[in-house]
């Protein structure tokens, strides 16, 4: 009898919280926030009710992809300390239920977003779900140490969806919002992997720290952080960036580059001696990085509306 069978036999009835946990609410919160930012900074406007409904559909689509991820990755989740309390490995929800919920919510979110806004936004949402559930979860995650790099595209698309919900198009501005998250994702997750490497090794997930070692991971974090700073600066070529973005971009990218250099200079003896203190600090800084950049873009949109400042 397998561990999975034992868990299912000992399972209790699932509650609302267990089904909600399938949707990865913490990940969904980033999806909602960046999609909302894309919708707010887009030129023109959208009726508040339609805007709310569009964000709701994007949130449901993001949650659906999370459920599909948990359905497929239940074997990995069962052996990783960070994920073993999720609904499926904990025996609260069956894999079949997770699959059904994921597919149903995916179809609902895409169709309703199409009806409420336009086909471009709906197509981007459909592609996001497909990329995360199929390309990343079923293929890249277990196949290549570049899983986070390529797979990060799914997490970077929500601001483009929010933008398209208003405008019905894809522009340089929305692409640069995409690139801001896309280039941020590798250093964010690799810094986590530096101090959570045992989990990935145990689950046989080919994270860069497992396949190429922590020295190579530190090198990659620095490279991607420098590239990220370049894309953050490129936002000034769009009509979105004003004084609020300037302040945030200068301060946060200076801190992020400094943190990446600190990680690059450290060896594993130093890191283990202080329980990866610098790596944990860099990971926490990365959580604020995206939030503050998108908050600044929305702040500039509000300032422009009141005639304060203007695009660079």
Protein backbone atom coordinates (compact mmCIF):
# COMPACT_ATOMS: atom_id res chain seq x y z
CA UNK A 1 0.00 0.00 0.00
CA UNK A 2 1.44 3.36 -0.99
CA UNK A 3 1.76 6.45 1.20
CA UNK A 4 -0.77 8.19 -1.03
CA UNK A 5 -3.31 5.39 -0.42
CA UNK A 6 -2.78 5.57 3.33
CA UNK A 7 -3.28 9.33 3.30
CA UNK A 8 -6.52 9.06 1.35
CA UNK A 9 -7.84 6.34 3.65
CA UNK A 10 -7.15 8.48 6.71
CA UNK A 11 -8.52 11.67 5.17
CA UNK A 12 -11.23 13.78 6.74
CA UNK A 13 -14.01 15.61 4.96
CA UNK A 14 -12.69 18.68 3.21
CA UNK A 15 -13.95 22.11 4.20
CA UNK A 16 -14.17 25.32 2.25
CA UNK A 17 -10.65 26.29 3.36
CA UNK A 18 -9.21 23.09 1.86
CA UNK A 19 -10.76 23.74 -1.53
CA UNK A 20 -9.73 27.38 -1.39
CA UNK A 21 -6.15 26.32 -0.59
CA UNK A 22 -6.16 24.37 -3.90
CA UNK A 23 -6.26 27.74 -5.66
CA UNK A 24 -2.94 28.82 -4.13
CA UNK A 25 -4.31 32.04 -2.59
CA UNK A 26 -0.87 33.54 -1.91
CA UNK A 27 0.14 33.12 -5.53
CA UNK A 28 -3.32 34.32 -6.60
CA UNK A 29 -2.83 37.52 -4.60
CA UNK A 30 0.17 38.45 -6.76
CA UNK A 31 -1.84 37.61 -9.89
CA UNK A 32 -4.72 39.81 -8.75
CA UNK A 33 -2.48 42.69 -7.74
CA UNK A 34 -0.42 42.83 -10.94
CA UNK A 35 -3.50 42.32 -13.14
CA UNK A 36 -5.23 45.14 -11.27
CA UNK A 37 -2.18 47.35 -11.80
CA UNK A 38 -2.22 46.60 -15.54
CA UNK A 39 -5.91 47.45 -15.71
CA UNK A 40 -5.48 50.71 -13.77
CA UNK A 41 -2.51 52.08 -15.73
CA UNK A 42 -3.97 51.18 -19.14
CA UNK A 43 -5.01 54.20 -21.22
CA UNK A 44 -8.68 54.97 -21.46
CA UNK A 45 -10.92 53.39 -18.90
CA UNK A 46 -13.31 50.59 -18.12
CA UNK A 47 -16.62 50.56 -16.26
CA UNK A 48 -15.90 49.78 -12.57
CA UNK A 49 -18.21 46.75 -12.59
CA UNK A 50 -16.56 45.31 -15.71
CA UNK A 51 -13.15 46.06 -14.25
CA UNK A 52 -14.04 44.24 -11.03
CA UNK A 53 -15.46 41.30 -12.97
CA UNK A 54 -12.36 41.14 -15.19
CA UNK A 55 -10.08 40.96 -12.14
CA UNK A 56 -12.34 38.31 -10.63
CA UNK A 57 -12.06 36.20 -13.79
CA UNK A 58 -8.28 36.60 -13.82
CA UNK A 59 -8.16 35.57 -10.15
CA UNK A 60 -10.31 32.50 -10.83
CA UNK A 61 -8.12 31.59 -13.81
CA UNK A 62 -5.00 31.94 -11.70
CA UNK A 63 -6.56 29.80 -8.98
CA UNK A 64 -7.60 27.21 -11.55
CA UNK A 65 -4.02 26.85 -12.76
CA UNK A 66 -2.96 26.43 -9.13
CA UNK A 67 -5.44 23.57 -8.68
CA UNK A 68 -4.15 21.88 -11.84
CA UNK A 69 -0.60 22.31 -10.57
CA UNK A 70 -1.50 20.64 -7.26
CA UNK A 71 -3.28 17.83 -9.10
CA UNK A 72 -0.22 16.98 -11.18
CA UNK A 73 2.42 17.68 -8.54
CA UNK A 74 0.79 15.84 -5.64
CA UNK A 75 3.61 13.26 -5.62
CA UNK A 76 6.24 16.00 -5.29
CA UNK A 77 4.19 17.94 -2.75
CA UNK A 78 4.00 14.85 -0.57
CA UNK A 79 7.76 14.71 0.02
CA UNK A 80 8.59 18.42 0.28
CA UNK A 81 8.45 19.98 3.73
CA UNK A 82 7.16 23.25 2.28
CA UNK A 83 4.19 21.61 0.49
CA UNK A 84 3.28 18.42 2.33
CA UNK A 85 0.43 20.12 4.20
CA UNK A 86 -1.36 21.05 0.96
CA UNK A 87 -4.89 19.62 0.57
CA UNK A 88 -4.01 16.61 -1.63
CA UNK A 89 -0.95 15.24 0.23
CA UNK A 90 -2.74 15.99 3.52
CA UNK A 91 -5.59 13.75 2.37
CA UNK A 92 -8.25 16.46 2.44
CA UNK A 93 -8.98 16.62 -1.30
CA UNK A 94 -8.57 13.90 -3.93
CA UNK A 95 -6.55 14.35 -7.12
CA UNK A 96 -9.72 13.81 -9.17
CA UNK A 97 -11.50 16.62 -7.34
CA UNK A 98 -8.56 18.96 -7.88
CA UNK A 99 -8.49 18.15 -11.60
CA UNK A 100 -12.23 18.70 -11.96
CA UNK A 101 -12.11 22.00 -10.09
CA UNK A 102 -9.13 23.20 -12.11
CA UNK A 103 -10.67 22.40 -15.49
CA UNK A 104 -14.11 23.78 -14.61
CA UNK A 105 -12.78 27.06 -13.22
CA UNK A 106 -10.41 27.45 -16.18
CA UNK A 107 -13.21 27.21 -18.72
CA UNK A 108 -15.48 29.50 -16.70
CA UNK A 109 -12.81 32.19 -16.23
CA UNK A 110 -11.76 32.33 -19.88
CA UNK A 111 -15.28 32.35 -21.34
CA UNK A 112 -16.58 34.94 -18.88
CA UNK A 113 -13.59 37.23 -19.38
CA UNK A 114 -14.17 37.04 -23.15
CA UNK A 115 -17.84 37.95 -22.76
CA UNK A 116 -17.12 40.75 -20.28
CA UNK A 117 -14.15 42.35 -22.09
CA UNK A 118 -12.56 41.08 -25.30
CA UNK A 119 -10.96 38.09 -26.96
CA UNK A 120 -7.38 39.35 -26.51
CA UNK A 121 -7.67 39.36 -22.71
CA UNK A 122 -9.41 35.97 -22.75
CA UNK A 123 -6.78 34.47 -25.05
CA UNK A 124 -3.97 35.73 -22.81
CA UNK A 125 -5.70 34.23 -19.76
CA UNK A 126 -6.17 30.90 -21.55
CA UNK A 127 -2.51 30.91 -22.57
CA UNK A 128 -1.46 31.72 -19.00
CA UNK A 129 -3.38 28.76 -17.59
CA UNK A 130 -2.08 26.43 -20.30
CA UNK A 131 1.50 27.58 -19.88
CA UNK A 132 1.50 27.16 -16.11
CA UNK A 133 -0.41 23.89 -15.95
CA UNK A 134 1.04 22.15 -19.00
CA UNK A 135 4.28 23.77 -20.17
CA UNK A 136 5.67 24.54 -16.71
CA UNK A 137 4.08 21.97 -14.37
CA UNK A 138 3.95 18.93 -16.66
CA UNK A 139 7.14 19.55 -18.61
CA UNK A 140 9.65 22.18 -17.54
CA UNK A 141 9.50 21.74 -13.77
CA UNK A 142 10.80 18.16 -13.91
CA UNK A 143 12.87 18.43 -17.06
CA UNK A 144 15.27 21.37 -16.86
CA UNK A 145 16.99 23.70 -14.38
CA UNK A 146 15.63 26.53 -16.53
CA UNK A 147 12.14 25.63 -15.27
CA UNK A 148 11.80 28.86 -13.30
CA UNK A 149 13.20 31.03 -16.10
CA UNK A 150 10.88 29.83 -18.87
CA UNK A 151 7.98 28.95 -16.59
CA UNK A 152 8.05 32.44 -15.14
CA UNK A 153 6.19 33.65 -18.24
CA UNK A 154 2.90 32.42 -16.78
CA UNK A 155 3.30 34.52 -13.64
CA UNK A 156 4.34 37.54 -15.69
CA UNK A 157 1.26 37.65 -17.95
CA UNK A 158 -1.44 38.99 -15.53
CA UNK A 159 -0.59 42.71 -15.99
CA UNK A 160 -0.82 42.19 -19.75
CA UNK A 161 -4.24 40.59 -19.26
CA UNK A 162 -5.43 43.50 -17.13
CA UNK A 163 -4.11 45.95 -19.74
CA UNK A 164 -5.77 44.05 -22.59
CA UNK A 165 -9.08 43.92 -20.71
CA UNK A 166 -9.19 47.71 -21.06
CA UNK A 167 -7.47 48.31 -24.39
CA UNK A 168 -7.92 45.07 -26.31
CA UNK A 169 -4.28 45.19 -27.43
CA UNK A 170 -0.67 44.45 -26.54
CA UNK A 171 1.80 47.34 -26.48
CA UNK A 172 5.36 48.12 -25.42
CA UNK A 173 4.07 49.31 -22.05
CA UNK A 174 2.30 46.04 -21.29
CA UNK A 175 5.25 44.00 -22.57
CA UNK A 176 7.62 45.86 -20.24
CA UNK A 177 5.31 45.16 -17.30
CA UNK A 178 5.50 41.52 -18.33
CA UNK A 179 9.31 41.69 -18.51
CA UNK A 180 9.52 43.29 -15.08
CA UNK A 181 7.96 40.18 -13.52
CA UNK A 182 9.58 37.73 -15.95
CA UNK A 183 13.11 38.88 -15.10
CA UNK A 184 12.30 39.17 -11.39
CA UNK A 185 11.10 35.58 -11.08
CA UNK A 186 14.48 33.75 -11.36
CA UNK A 187 16.35 35.70 -8.66
CA UNK A 188 13.25 35.56 -6.45
CA UNK A 189 12.92 31.77 -6.61
CA UNK A 190 16.63 30.99 -6.79
CA UNK A 191 17.27 32.94 -3.59
CA UNK A 192 14.58 30.76 -1.96
CA UNK A 193 16.20 27.64 -3.40
CA UNK A 194 19.55 28.55 -1.82
CA UNK A 195 18.16 27.94 1.66
CA UNK A 196 15.45 25.41 0.71
CA UNK A 197 17.65 23.26 -1.52
CA UNK A 198 17.11 20.07 0.49
CA UNK A 199 13.41 20.10 -0.38
CA UNK A 200 14.04 20.26 -4.13
CA UNK A 201 16.78 17.63 -3.92
CA UNK A 202 14.53 15.26 -1.98
CA UNK A 203 11.71 15.71 -4.49
CA UNK A 204 14.12 15.32 -7.42
CA UNK A 205 13.09 18.67 -8.90
CA UNK A 206 15.98 19.88 -11.13
CA UNK A 207 16.25 23.32 -9.60
CA UNK A 208 19.47 25.12 -10.55
CA UNK A 209 20.82 24.65 -7.03
CA UNK A 210 20.43 20.88 -7.44
CA UNK A 211 21.78 20.45 -10.97
CA UNK A 212 24.53 23.07 -11.10
CA UNK A 213 25.21 23.87 -7.48
CA UNK A 214 24.83 26.96 -5.35
CA UNK A 215 27.86 28.76 -6.78
CA UNK A 216 26.34 28.72 -10.26
CA UNK A 217 22.99 29.78 -8.77
CA UNK A 218 24.59 32.81 -7.13
CA UNK A 219 26.14 33.76 -10.47
CA UNK A 220 22.79 33.48 -12.19
CA UNK A 221 21.03 35.55 -9.53
CA UNK A 222 23.49 38.40 -10.14
CA UNK A 223 23.13 38.22 -13.92
CA UNK A 224 19.32 38.22 -13.85
CA UNK A 225 19.23 41.00 -11.26
CA UNK A 226 21.34 43.23 -13.51
CA UNK A 227 19.10 42.42 -16.48
CA UNK A 228 16.05 43.15 -14.33
CA UNK A 229 17.42 46.58 -13.43
CA UNK A 230 17.79 47.28 -17.15
CA UNK A 231 14.15 46.42 -17.87
CA UNK A 232 13.04 48.48 -14.88
CA UNK A 233 14.89 51.44 -16.39
CA UNK A 234 13.35 50.74 -19.81
CA UNK A 235 9.93 51.56 -18.34
CA UNK A 236 10.92 55.22 -18.61
CA UNK A 237 10.57 54.86 -22.39
CA UNK A 238 6.82 54.43 -21.91
CA UNK A 239 4.16 56.96 -20.89
CA UNK A 240 3.60 55.04 -17.65
CA UNK A 241 6.60 56.12 -15.56
CA UNK A 242 6.69 59.35 -13.59
CA UNK A 243 8.30 60.65 -10.43
CA UNK A 244 6.86 58.00 -8.12
CA UNK A 245 8.24 55.25 -10.35
CA UNK A 246 11.59 57.05 -10.61
CA UNK A 247 12.05 57.08 -6.83
CA UNK A 248 10.99 53.46 -6.39
CA UNK A 249 13.01 52.18 -9.35
CA UNK A 250 16.23 53.90 -8.28
CA UNK A 251 16.00 52.86 -4.62
CA UNK A 252 14.72 49.31 -5.09
CA UNK A 253 17.04 48.39 -7.96
CA UNK A 254 20.04 49.79 -6.08
CA UNK A 255 19.10 47.65 -3.07
CA UNK A 256 18.38 44.60 -5.24
CA UNK A 257 21.67 44.83 -7.12
CA UNK A 258 23.54 45.36 -3.85
CA UNK A 259 21.82 42.30 -2.39
CA UNK A 260 22.66 40.19 -5.45
CA UNK A 261 26.31 41.23 -5.24
CA UNK A 262 26.33 40.25 -1.56
CA UNK A 263 24.98 36.79 -2.43
CA UNK A 264 27.49 36.46 -5.26
CA UNK A 265 30.40 37.16 -2.92
CA UNK A 266 29.33 34.64 -0.29
CA UNK A 267 30.38 31.01 -0.21
CA UNK A 268 28.45 28.15 1.33
CA UNK A 269 30.57 28.06 4.47
CA UNK A 270 29.59 31.65 5.25
CA UNK A 271 25.95 31.04 4.33
CA UNK A 272 25.59 27.93 6.47
CA UNK A 273 27.33 29.61 9.41
CA UNK A 274 24.65 32.30 9.67
CA UNK A 275 21.73 30.11 8.48
CA UNK A 276 21.56 31.83 5.09
CA UNK A 277 20.75 35.19 6.65
CA UNK A 278 21.67 37.24 3.54
CA UNK A 279 19.79 34.86 1.24
CA UNK A 280 16.66 35.09 3.36
CA UNK A 281 16.94 38.89 3.44
CA UNK A 282 17.28 39.01 -0.36
CA UNK A 283 14.20 36.79 -0.74
CA UNK A 284 12.18 39.10 1.52
CA UNK A 285 13.41 42.13 -0.44
CA UNK A 286 12.27 40.44 -3.65
CA UNK A 287 8.74 40.22 -2.24
CA UNK A 288 8.65 44.01 -1.86
CA UNK A 289 10.32 44.66 -5.23
CA UNK A 290 7.42 43.85 -7.54
CA UNK A 291 4.78 45.26 -5.19
CA UNK A 292 6.47 48.66 -4.94
CA UNK A 293 7.19 48.97 -8.69
CA UNK A 294 3.56 48.35 -9.63
CA UNK A 295 2.29 50.53 -6.80
CA UNK A 296 4.49 53.33 -8.18
CA UNK A 297 3.03 52.92 -11.67
CA UNK A 298 -0.48 53.21 -10.27
CA UNK A 299 0.53 56.20 -8.16
CA UNK A 300 1.90 57.94 -11.23
CA UNK A 301 -1.35 57.27 -13.10
CA UNK A 302 -3.24 58.99 -10.27
CA UNK A 303 -0.77 61.90 -10.20
CA UNK A 304 -1.04 62.35 -13.98
CA UNK A 305 -4.84 62.48 -13.65
CA UNK A 306 -4.51 65.40 -11.22
CA UNK A 307 -1.96 67.19 -13.40
CA UNK A 308 0.97 66.42 -11.09
CA UNK A 309 4.12 65.46 -12.95
CA UNK A 310 3.99 63.54 -16.20
CA UNK A 311 5.69 60.78 -18.16
CA UNK A 312 9.41 61.08 -18.79
